[in-house]
Protein backbone atom coordinates (compact mmCIF):
# COMPACT_ATOMS: atom_id res chain seq x y z
CA MET A 1 132.88 86.01 129.56
CA GLU A 2 136.07 85.88 127.66
CA PRO A 3 136.13 87.84 124.09
CA GLY A 4 137.39 84.93 122.57
CA THR A 5 134.39 82.71 123.29
CA ALA A 6 131.89 84.93 122.43
CA LEU A 7 133.68 85.40 119.27
CA ALA A 8 133.67 81.85 118.51
CA VAL A 9 129.93 81.63 118.66
CA LEU A 10 129.63 84.68 116.41
CA GLY A 11 132.14 82.66 114.16
CA MET A 12 129.05 79.49 114.21
CA ILE A 13 126.65 81.92 113.48
CA LYS A 14 128.03 83.93 110.38
CA PRO A 15 128.49 80.62 108.25
CA THR A 16 124.95 79.23 108.93
CA ALA A 17 123.63 82.70 108.23
CA LYS A 18 125.00 82.41 104.88
CA THR A 19 124.19 79.22 104.16
CA ILE A 20 120.47 80.04 104.78
CA THR A 21 120.96 82.98 102.60
CA GLU A 22 122.24 81.35 99.57
CA LEU A 23 119.72 78.29 100.12
CA TRP A 24 117.11 81.11 100.03
CA GLN A 25 118.34 82.65 96.60
CA ASP A 26 117.66 79.29 94.97
CA ALA A 27 114.15 79.23 96.22
CA ALA A 28 113.50 83.25 94.90
CA HIS A 29 111.48 82.08 92.17
CA LEU A 30 108.53 81.35 94.77
CA GLY A 31 107.15 85.05 94.65
CA GLY A 32 107.63 87.87 97.09
CA ASP A 33 107.09 86.21 100.11
CA ILE A 34 110.72 84.51 100.10
CA ARG A 35 111.85 88.13 98.67
CA SER A 36 110.97 89.74 101.55
CA LEU A 37 111.51 87.42 104.08
CA SER A 38 115.31 87.46 102.78
CA SER A 39 115.44 90.59 102.75
CA ARG A 40 114.85 91.54 106.26
CA PHE A 41 117.12 88.23 107.40
CA ASN A 42 119.79 89.84 105.65
CA ALA A 43 119.65 93.44 107.14
CA ALA A 44 119.19 91.70 110.75
CA ASN A 45 122.33 90.40 109.87
CA SER A 46 123.78 93.07 108.50
CA GLU A 47 122.65 94.72 111.76
CA LEU A 48 124.72 92.02 113.91
CA ASP A 49 128.23 92.24 111.75
CA HIS A 50 128.02 96.02 113.05
CA TYR A 51 127.66 94.96 116.81
CA LYS A 52 130.67 92.58 116.20
CA ASN A 53 132.59 95.34 114.86
CA ILE A 54 131.52 98.02 117.67
CA LEU A 55 132.35 95.31 120.04
CA PHE A 56 135.20 92.73 119.28
CA THR A 57 137.49 95.25 117.37
CA LYS A 58 140.40 96.26 118.87
CA ASN A 59 141.63 100.06 119.86
CA LYS A 60 138.06 100.96 117.78
CA PHE A 61 136.94 104.17 120.45
CA PRO A 62 138.56 106.76 121.80
CA GLY A 63 140.77 106.41 125.30
CA ILE A 64 139.47 102.48 124.89
CA SER A 65 142.57 100.08 125.63
CA GLY A 66 141.67 96.59 123.49
CA THR A 67 138.13 96.13 122.92
CA LEU A 68 134.70 97.45 124.33
CA TYR A 69 133.24 94.01 125.13
CA GLU A 70 136.28 93.81 127.77
CA THR A 71 135.34 96.97 129.50
CA LEU A 72 131.59 95.90 129.72
CA PRO A 73 130.59 94.55 133.34
CA GLU A 74 130.31 90.70 133.49
CA ASN A 75 126.60 90.50 133.78
CA GLN A 76 126.45 92.73 130.72
CA ARG A 77 129.16 90.37 128.86
CA LEU A 78 127.40 87.29 129.78
CA THR A 79 124.07 88.56 128.55
CA ILE A 80 125.80 89.43 125.03
CA PHE A 81 126.60 85.87 124.94
CA ASP A 82 123.45 84.42 125.71
CA ILE A 83 122.15 86.68 123.12
CA LEU A 84 124.31 85.50 120.73
CA GLY A 85 123.98 82.03 121.80
CA GLU A 86 120.09 82.45 121.25
CA LEU A 87 120.65 83.54 118.04
CA ARG A 88 123.50 80.48 117.03
CA LEU A 89 119.90 78.22 118.13
CA VAL A 90 117.61 80.27 116.16
CA LEU A 91 119.98 79.04 112.87
CA ASP A 92 120.69 75.70 113.87
CA THR A 93 116.50 75.12 114.52
CA TYR A 94 115.54 76.49 111.19
CA LEU A 95 118.38 74.56 109.53
CA ALA A 96 117.23 70.91 111.53
CA ALA A 97 113.98 71.43 110.41
CA SER A 98 114.33 72.41 106.96
CA LYS A 99 116.19 69.22 106.32
CA ARG A 100 112.99 67.57 107.96
CA TYR A 101 111.08 68.87 105.72
CA GLN A 102 113.24 68.28 102.82
CA ILE A 103 113.49 65.01 103.45
CA GLU A 104 109.78 64.39 103.90
CA ARG A 105 109.39 66.11 100.59
CA ASN A 106 111.88 63.83 98.93
CA THR A 107 110.81 60.58 100.54
CA THR A 108 107.93 59.99 97.53
CA THR A 109 106.79 57.25 94.99
CA ASP A 110 108.54 58.07 91.48
CA THR A 111 105.12 58.02 89.79
CA PHE A 112 102.26 60.96 89.14
CA ASP A 113 98.63 59.96 88.60
CA PRO A 114 95.85 62.66 88.53
CA ASN A 115 93.66 59.96 89.91
CA GLN A 116 95.64 60.05 92.82
CA ALA A 117 94.24 60.95 96.34
CA GLU A 118 95.27 64.67 97.55
CA LEU A 119 98.30 63.03 99.77
CA GLU A 120 99.59 60.47 97.64
CA ARG A 121 99.39 62.85 94.63
CA ASP A 122 101.50 65.81 96.57
CA ILE A 123 104.14 63.14 97.23
CA ALA A 124 104.26 61.83 93.51
CA LEU A 125 104.77 65.62 92.47
CA ALA A 126 107.84 65.64 94.21
CA THR A 127 109.64 62.81 92.99
CA ALA A 128 108.98 64.51 89.16
CA ALA A 129 111.54 66.34 89.84
CA THR A 130 114.07 64.38 87.90
CA SER A 131 111.63 63.69 84.71
CA ASN A 132 112.28 65.20 81.30
CA ASN A 133 108.39 65.38 80.98
CA GLU A 134 106.92 68.89 80.50
CA GLU A 135 103.71 68.27 82.17
CA GLN A 136 105.63 66.90 85.42
CA ALA A 137 107.59 69.41 85.22
CA LYS A 138 104.75 71.95 85.39
CA ALA A 139 103.36 69.47 88.06
CA VAL A 140 106.61 70.09 89.96
CA GLY A 141 106.57 73.66 90.15
CA TRP A 142 103.65 73.63 91.10
CA LEU A 143 104.23 71.02 94.28
CA LYS A 144 107.11 73.21 95.47
CA LYS A 145 105.28 76.33 95.74
CA THR A 146 102.37 74.27 97.60
CA TRP A 147 105.15 72.87 99.63
CA TRP A 148 106.15 76.53 100.18
CA VAL A 149 102.82 77.40 101.41
CA VAL A 150 101.83 74.54 103.63
CA TRP A 151 105.33 73.98 105.00
CA GLU A 152 108.38 76.05 104.24
CA LYS A 153 107.00 79.55 104.56
CA LYS A 154 106.13 78.91 108.02
CA ILE A 155 109.20 77.78 109.61
CA VAL A 156 111.26 80.61 107.30
CA GLU A 157 108.62 83.25 108.71
CA LYS A 158 109.40 81.80 112.15
CA LEU A 159 113.38 82.13 111.61
CA VAL A 160 113.06 85.94 110.56
CA ARG A 161 110.88 87.02 113.25
CA ASP A 162 112.66 85.31 116.53
CA PHE A 163 116.16 86.43 114.46
CA GLU A 164 115.06 89.61 114.58
CA LYS A 165 113.79 89.43 118.06
CA TRP A 166 117.14 88.50 119.60
CA ILE A 167 119.01 91.12 117.47
CA LYS A 168 116.09 93.68 118.66
CA ARG A 169 117.50 92.83 122.12
CA LEU A 170 120.56 92.99 121.69
CA ARG A 171 120.36 96.33 119.80
CA ARG A 172 118.23 97.59 123.59
CA LEU A 173 121.17 96.29 126.15
CA MET A 174 123.91 98.25 123.25
CA LYS A 175 121.62 101.46 123.82
CA LEU A 176 121.86 101.01 127.60
CA VAL A 177 125.41 99.92 127.66
CA TRP A 178 126.14 103.17 125.31
CA GLY A 179 124.97 105.75 127.46
CA PRO A 180 127.79 106.36 130.19
CA LEU A 181 130.50 105.11 128.43
CA PRO A 182 133.77 107.07 129.34
CA PHE A 183 134.70 108.26 125.43
CA LEU A 184 131.57 110.49 125.38
CA THR A 185 132.69 113.23 127.63
CA SER A 186 135.05 115.65 125.29
CA ILE A 187 134.47 117.36 122.04
CA SER A 188 137.33 115.62 120.71
CA GLN A 189 136.47 111.86 121.66
CA LEU A 190 132.54 113.18 120.59
CA GLN A 191 134.30 114.37 116.73
CA THR A 192 136.26 111.48 116.42
CA LEU A 193 133.27 108.97 117.39
CA GLU A 194 130.80 110.76 114.30
CA LYS A 195 133.09 109.23 111.95
CA ASP A 196 132.57 105.63 113.40
CA HIS A 197 130.60 103.97 110.58
CA ASP A 198 129.67 100.87 112.67
CA ALA A 199 127.99 103.10 115.43
CA GLU A 200 126.28 105.77 112.93
CA GLU A 201 124.41 102.45 111.28
CA VAL A 202 122.85 100.79 113.92
CA GLY A 203 121.81 104.53 115.89
CA LEU A 204 124.21 104.48 118.81
CA LEU A 205 125.30 108.60 117.32
CA GLU A 206 121.73 109.92 117.72
CA ASP A 207 122.75 111.76 120.94
CA VAL A 208 126.08 113.04 120.24
CA PRO A 209 124.57 116.40 119.37
CA LEU A 210 123.09 116.79 122.56
CA ARG A 211 126.75 115.57 124.11
CA LYS A 212 128.45 118.00 122.31
CA LEU A 213 125.92 120.61 123.65
CA ILE A 214 126.58 119.59 127.06
CA VAL A 215 130.82 119.35 127.06
CA VAL A 216 131.04 122.83 124.87
CA ALA A 217 133.22 125.15 126.18
CA PRO A 218 131.58 128.11 129.08
CA ASP A 219 132.26 130.96 126.03
CA ALA A 220 131.45 128.39 123.12
CA ALA A 221 128.03 127.61 125.13
CA ALA A 222 127.71 131.35 125.58
CA THR A 223 127.88 132.29 121.86
CA ASN A 224 125.05 129.38 120.52
CA VAL A 225 122.61 130.70 122.60
CA GLY A 226 123.46 134.67 122.20
CA SER A 227 120.93 134.94 118.63
CA LEU A 228 118.25 133.69 121.31
CA GLN A 229 118.39 136.58 123.54
CA THR A 230 115.42 139.12 123.40
CA SER A 231 114.05 141.44 125.77
CA SER A 232 111.43 140.47 128.28
CA SER A 233 108.78 142.75 126.87
CA ALA A 234 108.78 140.22 123.58
CA PHE A 235 107.20 137.82 125.83
CA ILE A 236 102.66 139.01 126.30
CA PRO A 237 101.19 136.88 128.67
CA ASN A 238 97.74 136.04 129.01
CA GLU A 239 95.63 137.32 131.11
CA ASP A 240 94.59 134.53 132.75
CA HIS A 241 97.78 132.70 132.69
CA GLN A 242 100.83 134.56 133.42
CA ASN A 243 103.25 132.02 131.43
CA TYR A 244 101.42 131.55 129.43
CA GLY A 245 100.98 133.74 125.97
CA SER A 246 102.89 134.48 122.49
CA ILE A 247 105.95 136.87 121.52
CA LYS A 248 105.64 140.35 120.09
CA GLY A 249 104.75 140.09 116.39
CA GLY A 250 104.26 136.49 116.18
CA SER A 251 101.36 134.09 116.34
CA THR A 252 103.41 131.14 117.75
CA LYS A 253 101.93 130.18 121.50
CA VAL A 254 104.15 129.91 124.24
CA ILE A 255 104.89 129.39 128.01
CA VAL A 256 107.92 130.37 129.90
CA GLU A 257 109.82 128.75 132.65
CA TYR A 258 112.14 131.25 135.12
CA LYS A 259 115.22 129.98 135.93
CA PRO A 260 116.17 131.90 139.14
CA TYR A 261 120.26 132.68 139.52
CA ASP A 262 122.74 134.00 142.16
CA VAL A 263 124.22 137.42 141.39
CA ASN A 264 127.93 138.22 142.21
CA GLU A 265 129.08 141.46 144.53
CA VAL A 266 128.21 143.70 141.98
CA LYS A 267 124.63 142.31 141.44
CA VAL A 268 125.09 140.71 138.00
CA ILE A 269 124.51 137.27 137.11
CA HIS A 270 127.21 134.74 138.76
CA GLU A 271 129.57 133.30 136.23
CA ILE A 272 129.22 130.15 136.94
CA ALA A 273 125.32 130.57 136.93
CA ALA A 274 125.81 132.10 133.67
CA ASN A 275 127.25 129.07 132.18
CA ARG A 276 124.93 126.81 133.89
CA ILE A 277 121.80 128.69 131.89
CA ASN A 278 123.90 128.60 128.73
CA ARG A 279 124.40 125.29 128.69
CA LEU A 280 120.80 124.60 129.67
CA ILE A 281 119.11 126.76 127.10
CA ALA A 282 121.63 125.37 124.32
CA LEU A 283 120.44 121.83 125.50
CA LEU A 284 116.56 122.67 125.73
CA HIS A 285 116.78 124.84 121.83
CA GLU A 286 118.70 121.66 120.10
CA VAL A 287 115.84 119.20 120.99
CA LYS A 288 115.90 117.14 117.62
CA ASP A 289 116.37 113.68 119.33
CA ALA A 290 112.92 111.98 119.13
CA ARG A 291 113.20 110.51 122.73
CA PHE A 292 114.10 113.55 124.39
CA LYS A 293 110.56 114.35 125.37
CA VAL A 294 110.83 118.29 126.27
CA LEU A 295 110.04 121.34 124.46
CA ARG A 296 112.06 123.33 122.59
CA CYS A 297 113.43 126.76 124.14
CA ILE A 298 113.16 129.16 121.20
CA ASN A 299 114.31 132.41 123.12
CA TYR A 300 115.03 133.58 126.83
CA PHE A 301 115.32 136.97 128.84
CA ASP A 302 117.09 138.63 131.72
CA GLU A 303 114.96 139.75 134.48
CA PRO A 304 117.51 141.14 136.77
CA PRO A 305 114.70 142.71 139.33
CA ARG A 306 113.96 138.66 140.18
CA ARG A 307 117.22 137.69 139.28
CA SER A 308 115.80 135.13 136.88
CA ILE A 309 116.01 134.40 133.06
CA GLY A 310 112.64 133.72 131.27
CA MET A 311 112.75 130.42 129.09
CA ILE A 312 110.28 130.55 126.38
CA PHE A 313 109.27 127.27 124.78
CA ALA A 314 106.88 126.65 121.37
CA LEU A 315 104.15 125.18 122.05
CA PRO A 316 102.03 122.77 119.12
CA PRO A 317 100.18 125.63 116.90
CA GLU A 318 97.02 123.01 117.26
CA LEU A 319 96.89 124.15 121.17
CA SER A 320 94.22 126.52 122.05
CA GLY A 321 95.34 127.26 125.56
CA PRO A 322 97.52 126.34 128.07
CA PRO A 323 98.77 122.93 127.83
CA CYS A 324 96.92 120.45 130.59
CA THR A 325 99.35 118.91 133.27
CA LEU A 326 99.81 115.56 134.21
CA LEU A 327 98.40 116.75 137.92
CA THR A 328 95.27 117.94 136.49
CA ALA A 329 94.44 114.81 134.21
CA LEU A 330 95.22 112.71 137.60
CA SER A 331 92.92 114.93 139.44
CA GLY A 332 89.87 114.31 137.45
CA SER A 333 86.90 112.45 137.69
CA SER A 334 87.35 108.62 137.70
CA SER A 335 85.46 108.43 133.94
CA SER A 336 88.37 110.05 132.86
CA ARG A 337 91.03 107.37 133.87
CA PRO A 338 93.21 106.12 130.92
CA SER A 339 93.78 102.46 129.42
CA LEU A 340 96.91 100.70 130.73
CA ASP A 341 98.53 100.83 127.19
CA ALA A 342 98.23 104.46 127.87
CA ARG A 343 99.49 104.35 130.96
CA MET A 344 102.31 102.26 129.79
CA ARG A 345 103.19 104.14 127.17
CA LEU A 346 103.37 107.53 129.09
CA ALA A 347 105.55 106.11 132.10
CA ARG A 348 107.65 104.75 129.04
CA SER A 349 108.03 108.17 127.35
CA LEU A 350 109.12 109.84 130.94
CA SER A 351 111.24 106.91 131.84
CA GLU A 352 113.05 107.76 128.32
CA THR A 353 113.22 111.37 128.76
CA LEU A 354 115.21 110.93 132.29
CA LEU A 355 117.48 108.03 130.61
CA LEU A 356 118.78 110.19 128.02
CA LEU A 357 118.81 113.23 130.49
CA HIS A 358 121.30 111.60 132.89
CA SER A 359 122.98 109.64 130.00
CA VAL A 360 124.71 113.11 129.18
CA ASN A 361 124.95 114.03 132.61
CA TRP A 362 122.79 116.45 133.12
CA LEU A 363 120.01 116.36 136.58
CA HIS A 364 116.16 117.64 136.39
CA LYS A 365 116.16 118.39 140.17
CA SER A 366 111.90 119.01 139.78
CA ILE A 367 110.64 116.11 138.79
CA ARG A 368 106.85 115.92 140.03
CA SER A 369 103.22 115.54 138.44
CA GLU A 370 102.56 119.20 137.85
CA ILE A 371 105.46 119.80 135.55
CA VAL A 372 104.76 116.80 133.23
CA LEU A 373 102.61 118.69 130.33
CA LEU A 374 100.35 116.98 127.91
CA LEU A 375 99.93 118.72 124.78
CA SER A 376 97.23 117.27 123.32
CA GLU A 377 94.81 118.95 124.97
CA ALA A 378 94.65 122.45 126.56
CA CYS A 379 93.32 123.10 129.88
CA THR A 380 91.37 126.57 130.52
CA THR A 381 89.45 125.20 133.36
CA PRO A 382 91.84 122.57 135.27
CA LEU A 383 89.31 120.53 136.99
CA ALA A 384 86.51 121.02 134.77
CA PRO A 385 84.85 117.62 133.81
CA ARG A 386 86.50 116.02 130.80
CA GLY A 387 87.25 112.23 128.60
CA PRO A 388 89.63 110.22 129.08
CA HIS A 389 93.06 112.31 128.24
CA ASN A 390 95.13 111.44 125.41
CA LEU A 391 98.74 110.99 126.98
CA GLU A 392 100.20 110.24 123.60
CA GLN A 393 102.06 113.76 123.79
CA SER A 394 103.77 113.99 126.80
CA ARG A 395 106.75 116.55 127.86
CA LEU A 396 108.97 117.11 130.55
CA SER A 397 109.10 120.71 131.65
CA GLY A 398 110.09 122.48 135.17
CA PHE A 399 114.05 123.29 134.28
CA GLU A 400 114.25 126.10 136.48
CA TYR A 401 116.92 124.24 138.75
CA SER A 402 118.18 121.40 136.42
CA ARG A 403 122.09 121.29 136.30
CA LEU A 404 124.67 119.33 134.86
CA ASP A 405 125.56 116.59 137.43
CA ASN A 406 129.40 117.56 138.14
CA ASP A 407 128.28 121.51 138.95
CA PHE A 408 127.58 123.27 141.74
CA THR A 409 124.77 123.42 143.64
CA SER A 410 123.53 125.86 145.78
CA GLY A 411 121.02 123.69 147.91
CA HIS A 412 118.45 126.08 148.81
CA PRO A 413 115.45 125.10 151.27
CA ASP A 414 112.17 124.65 150.19
CA TYR A 415 109.55 123.82 152.71
CA GLU A 416 106.55 123.35 149.94
CA LEU A 417 104.79 120.42 151.01
CA GLN A 418 103.37 119.84 147.74
CA ARG A 419 107.04 119.73 145.93
CA ASN A 420 108.69 118.22 148.88
CA ILE A 421 106.61 114.80 148.43
CA TYR A 422 107.95 114.09 145.16
CA ARG A 423 111.45 114.60 146.87
CA HIS A 424 113.83 111.82 148.05
CA PRO A 425 113.73 112.52 151.53
CA ASP A 426 117.55 113.83 151.91
CA ARG A 427 116.31 116.66 150.00
CA TRP A 428 113.37 117.24 151.92
CA ASP A 429 113.62 121.22 153.61
CA GLN A 430 116.86 122.09 153.90
CA PRO A 431 119.09 119.00 151.75
CA ASN A 432 121.98 117.47 153.68
CA GLU A 433 123.82 116.25 150.45
CA SER A 434 124.39 117.48 147.02
CA PHE A 435 121.77 116.23 144.28
CA SER A 436 122.68 113.33 142.45
CA LYS A 437 120.77 111.12 139.72
CA ILE A 438 119.10 108.33 142.36
CA HIS A 439 117.30 111.87 143.69
CA ASP A 440 115.66 112.09 140.42
CA ILE A 441 115.06 108.37 140.10
CA TYR A 442 113.16 108.77 143.12
CA ALA A 443 111.04 111.51 141.68
CA LEU A 444 109.88 109.64 139.02
CA GLY A 445 109.20 106.56 140.93
CA VAL A 446 106.93 109.18 142.92
CA ILE A 447 105.38 109.60 139.44
CA LEU A 448 105.30 106.47 138.09
CA LEU A 449 103.43 105.34 141.21
CA GLU A 450 100.61 108.01 140.47
CA ILE A 451 100.39 106.61 136.82
CA GLY A 452 99.83 103.31 137.68
CA LEU A 453 97.10 104.22 140.17
CA TRP A 454 96.23 107.03 138.39
CA GLU A 455 95.95 108.83 141.63
CA PRO A 456 97.75 111.90 142.60
CA ILE A 457 99.83 111.11 145.95
CA ILE A 458 98.15 114.16 147.71
CA ASN A 459 94.94 112.25 147.81
CA PHE A 460 96.58 109.46 149.23
CA ASP A 461 94.64 108.11 152.41
CA ALA A 462 92.07 111.24 152.15
CA LYS A 463 89.35 110.12 153.85
CA LYS A 464 86.26 112.85 155.33
CA GLY A 465 87.03 113.86 158.50
CA GLY A 466 90.85 111.88 158.45
CA GLU A 467 94.13 112.86 159.07
CA PRO A 468 95.07 116.28 157.29
CA VAL A 469 97.66 116.58 154.31
CA LYS A 470 100.11 118.46 156.47
CA GLU A 471 100.40 115.22 159.17
CA ARG A 472 99.72 112.61 156.10
CA TYR A 473 103.14 113.95 154.98
CA ARG A 474 104.42 115.25 158.21
CA ASP A 475 108.08 114.52 157.09
CA ALA A 476 110.27 112.85 154.69
CA VAL A 477 110.48 109.62 156.61
CA THR A 478 106.24 109.23 156.55
CA THR A 479 105.78 110.04 153.03
CA LYS A 480 107.92 107.47 152.10
CA ASP A 481 106.66 104.58 154.31
CA ARG A 482 103.35 105.88 152.96
CA LEU A 483 104.25 105.77 149.35
CA LEU A 484 105.96 102.19 150.17
CA ARG A 485 102.54 101.30 151.70
CA HIS A 486 100.49 102.06 148.47
CA THR A 487 103.25 100.56 145.85
CA ASN A 488 103.10 96.95 147.77
CA LYS A 489 99.25 96.45 148.31
CA ARG A 490 97.78 98.29 145.40
CA LEU A 491 100.21 98.67 142.32
CA GLY A 492 100.58 95.23 141.28
CA PHE A 493 96.76 94.85 140.83
CA TYR A 494 96.62 97.93 138.57
CA ALA A 495 99.84 97.95 136.49
CA GLY A 496 101.12 94.24 137.16
CA GLU A 497 104.17 92.91 139.21
CA LYS A 498 106.75 94.22 136.98
CA TYR A 499 105.98 97.90 136.98
CA GLN A 500 104.90 97.04 140.90
CA ASP A 501 109.24 96.30 141.11
CA LEU A 502 110.30 98.92 139.17
CA VAL A 503 108.19 101.71 141.62
CA VAL A 504 109.77 100.09 144.73
CA LYS A 505 113.40 99.90 143.29
CA CYS A 506 113.08 103.86 142.60
CA LEU A 507 111.33 104.78 145.97
CA LYS A 508 114.38 102.71 147.74
CA GLY A 509 117.18 103.40 145.41
CA ASP A 510 117.70 99.34 145.12
CA PHE A 511 119.57 98.83 141.82
CA GLY A 512 122.06 96.12 143.39
CA ASP A 513 125.63 96.79 144.64
CA LEU A 514 126.60 100.13 143.60
CA SER A 515 129.53 100.69 146.06
CA GLY A 516 132.24 100.46 142.95
CA ASP A 517 130.00 102.71 140.74
CA ASP A 518 132.21 106.16 139.30
CA LYS A 519 131.31 109.59 139.81
CA ILE A 520 129.10 109.92 137.50
CA GLY A 521 126.80 107.01 138.31
CA SER A 522 127.45 105.02 135.12
CA GLN A 523 126.40 101.28 137.04
CA LEU A 524 123.57 103.03 138.40
CA GLN A 525 122.39 104.34 134.54
CA ARG A 526 122.71 101.00 133.33
CA GLN A 527 120.55 99.15 136.06
CA PHE A 528 118.20 101.83 136.34
CA GLY A 529 117.97 101.39 132.04
CA GLU A 530 117.77 97.47 132.30
CA GLU A 531 115.08 97.86 135.13
CA VAL A 532 112.95 100.17 132.83
CA GLU A 533 113.38 98.07 130.24
CA ARG A 534 112.06 94.95 132.27
CA ALA A 535 109.09 96.60 133.31
CA VAL A 536 107.55 98.94 130.26
CA GLY A 537 109.91 98.69 127.55
CA VAL A 538 111.26 100.85 125.89
CA SER A 539 110.12 102.03 122.19
CA GLY A 540 112.83 99.74 119.67
CA GLU A 541 115.18 102.99 118.83
CA ALA A 542 114.28 104.94 121.13
CA LYS A 543 116.53 102.83 124.24
CA LEU A 544 119.68 104.11 125.69
């Protein structure tokens, strides 16, 4: 779809919207409703102006020659064109309905008789606008307000509602388009981008602080986190939970995650590992984006004997103990099953977090239900009976192996079944290929399957006297086949067909033809984001 065609549609939208706004200005005397609706319409129309500038202004962004619209894949250009067409249709439909009602209102007799039937009286009042009689003028004012309440208010409300709906869809699409764009990969480009008024007004700069942390030079990353370092003795562990406790001299409750590192020939942390850890700590410390559902890292310490960095994360003050995990919640009694809406919100929250993490080219590498924390309740007795779990305050943890997409990976073997069953088949035991975004997406798909069925996968097909766990999940292929079988047979009933389709795509890695994708998986990122949007939606401004 050529830029000129889309611009032509925009060229028809703007004057029509202006005409409607002017019509409403003449109706301001009808009260607060029309003023409120007019304000909402103007706000949505103003947002459309910003998108016009973002998409169709030439050489607006660093590293892009021509317009941003021209750089987008054909299917996304077509989607934008379709949305613009729908916006034009909304306006044209309103104008047609408004003219029809105007004709009906003015097709009346020219007399007013209080004794007439109600309908006849309303018609007569409509024609009294040209009269100089004061009583009739008052009646006309009353009639106009009545006509507004009975007829025009409805079509104006529909216009505003439909116009906002399509602007919201455009906003969501732009969030998806924005994440993988090539001009978000250097400090100079990001600093230039921060000055763009249009991008700022529509919320496209929300993740720039995170991106700047990722692309900063290694020495700058070390400087940024140096003030957070403390000694290992500063962490006071709880007697019953060694990774949960407090900071010496403070009341804040914390948990600690240990990130292992490689050492060089003199037994000092390897430079590559140090750089990776500094960037990760900076990323997890500067958590200011509401979409990024992770705990905030407030300190860290080095523990050379175990070749690990301990990252200290603050917990909410109202939490009385270590947070419950999703795995614990899934393993509870059937009476604790949360509602479908609650499960969909949890699925959306986790998907949004992974989308944002991938958008800054960072991989998680350890996604499983054991590392999803539910901060709304403590789990002092993990398997104790309890009521329905509150899933609203979920956080993704377990960043011990997390790294940049283009970073070196050691690929250490791991034969632990409870972790392998969440891994892509290519990542079982001794990995045979480097970790990539598709592997994270597979692991998320496994968790989404668990959330949809509200059952841990370790319990799938568990029967008294049946196959033991190690036999049911004896290898990568058998495990994947079992997960797909449960997805295809059960998930549609419990969570709906769209959700089922998302999980199938995650497990199969089926996101269209990715043969022409770039090295950071931009096309995969867009396709995955679109599937998430289709299945569970993405909260308004929280969409990538």
